[in-house]
Protein backbone atom coordinates (compact mmCIF):
# COMPACT_ATOMS: atom_id res chain seq x y z
CA MET A 1 39.61 -6.51 9.12
CA THR A 2 41.35 -7.47 12.35
CA THR A 3 43.36 -10.69 12.42
CA MET A 4 42.52 -12.73 15.51
CA LEU A 5 44.70 -15.61 16.71
CA ASN A 6 43.83 -18.46 19.04
CA ASN A 7 45.98 -19.34 22.05
CA GLU A 8 48.20 -21.79 20.16
CA GLU A 9 48.80 -19.41 17.23
CA ALA A 10 49.57 -16.49 19.54
CA ALA A 11 51.96 -18.60 21.63
CA ALA A 12 53.81 -19.72 18.49
CA MET A 13 54.12 -16.11 17.34
CA ILE A 14 55.50 -15.00 20.72
CA GLY A 15 57.78 -18.01 21.04
CA CYS A 16 56.33 -19.61 24.15
CA THR A 17 54.10 -22.57 24.91
CA PRO A 18 50.31 -22.22 25.04
CA LYS A 19 50.50 -23.14 28.73
CA THR A 20 52.87 -20.22 29.40
CA LEU A 21 50.52 -17.87 27.56
CA ASN A 22 47.63 -19.18 29.72
CA TYR A 23 49.68 -18.43 32.85
CA TRP A 24 50.59 -14.94 31.67
CA ARG A 25 46.94 -14.26 30.87
CA HIS A 26 45.97 -15.39 34.38
CA LYS A 27 48.63 -13.13 35.93
CA GLY A 28 47.92 -10.18 33.60
CA LYS A 29 51.44 -10.25 32.14
CA GLY A 30 50.83 -11.19 28.52
CA PRO A 31 49.30 -9.39 25.56
CA LYS A 32 45.72 -8.12 25.63
CA PHE A 33 43.10 -10.73 24.80
CA VAL A 34 39.42 -11.01 23.96
CA LYS A 35 37.27 -13.55 25.75
CA PHE A 36 34.16 -14.70 23.89
CA GLY A 37 31.58 -15.52 26.55
CA THR A 38 31.45 -15.62 30.32
CA HIS A 39 31.99 -19.32 30.90
CA ARG A 40 35.32 -20.43 32.37
CA ASN A 41 36.15 -22.32 29.18
CA ALA A 42 34.96 -19.58 26.80
CA GLY A 43 37.16 -19.03 23.77
CA VAL A 44 40.08 -16.61 23.95
CA ARG A 45 41.54 -14.77 20.97
CA TYR A 46 44.41 -12.35 20.55
CA ASP A 47 44.40 -9.43 18.14
CA LEU A 48 47.54 -9.53 15.99
CA ALA A 49 48.09 -5.79 16.58
CA ASP A 50 47.98 -6.33 20.38
CA ILE A 51 50.58 -9.09 20.13
CA GLU A 52 52.85 -6.86 18.05
CA ALA A 53 52.41 -3.99 20.54
CA TRP A 54 53.16 -6.29 23.49
CA LYS A 55 56.29 -7.60 21.77
CA GLU A 56 57.45 -4.04 21.07
CA ALA A 57 56.85 -2.99 24.69
CA ASN A 58 58.89 -5.98 25.86
CA THR A 59 61.86 -5.45 23.55
CA PHE A 60 65.04 -4.15 25.17
CA ALA A 61 68.43 -3.09 23.80
CA SER A 62 70.41 -4.44 26.75
CA THR A 63 70.06 -6.42 29.94
CA SER A 64 70.53 -3.25 31.98
CA ALA A 65 67.56 -1.64 30.20
CA TYR A 66 65.49 -4.73 30.98
CA SER A 67 66.66 -4.75 34.61
CA ALA A 68 65.67 -1.12 35.12
CA ALA A 69 62.22 -1.75 33.63
CA ALA A 70 61.76 -4.90 35.71
CA ARG A 71 62.76 -3.11 38.93
CA ALA A 72 60.35 -0.25 38.18
CA SER A 73 57.56 -2.75 37.52
CA VAL A 74 58.18 -4.67 40.75
CA ASN A 75 58.44 -1.47 42.78
CA ALA A 76 55.20 -0.12 41.33
CA ARG A 77 53.44 -3.42 41.96
CA ASN A 78 54.66 -3.51 45.58
CA GLY A 79 53.85 0.14 46.23
CA ASN A 80 57.50 1.15 46.59
CA LEU A 81 57.91 4.64 45.22
CA PRO A 82 61.16 6.45 44.48
CA PRO A 83 62.23 8.80 47.33
CA ALA A 84 61.03 11.89 45.44
CA GLN A 85 57.49 10.47 45.28
CA ARG A 86 57.26 9.34 48.90
CA VAL A 87 55.08 11.42 51.18
CA SER A 88 55.48 11.23 54.95
CA PRO A 89 52.38 11.62 57.10
CA SER A 90 52.19 14.91 58.99
CA TRP A 91 52.70 13.20 62.35
CA LEU A 92 56.14 12.02 61.14
CA GLN A 93 57.27 15.51 60.14
CA PRO A 94 59.96 17.04 62.38
CA THR A 95 58.72 19.56 64.93
CA ARG A 96 60.27 22.98 65.36
């Protein structure tokens, strides 16, 4: 059986406040969640396995490893691709 945690329990397990977890959920930055119902105040629960997976994905060995991951995330979010993945429109190509 799956262990489901409420917002307060999940926040305590992650080490943040419930308000921070609410903010992350709103921004799509926190662990996956399940919403029971369609109402704005419908209950939210977190699967323990999803919290563990989110913690693992956000664990870094050094600040430089974190910085590289953060830069890649920001660049992807802003549509900035590395030079090798950039494609120039044909009208910008040099003429012969």
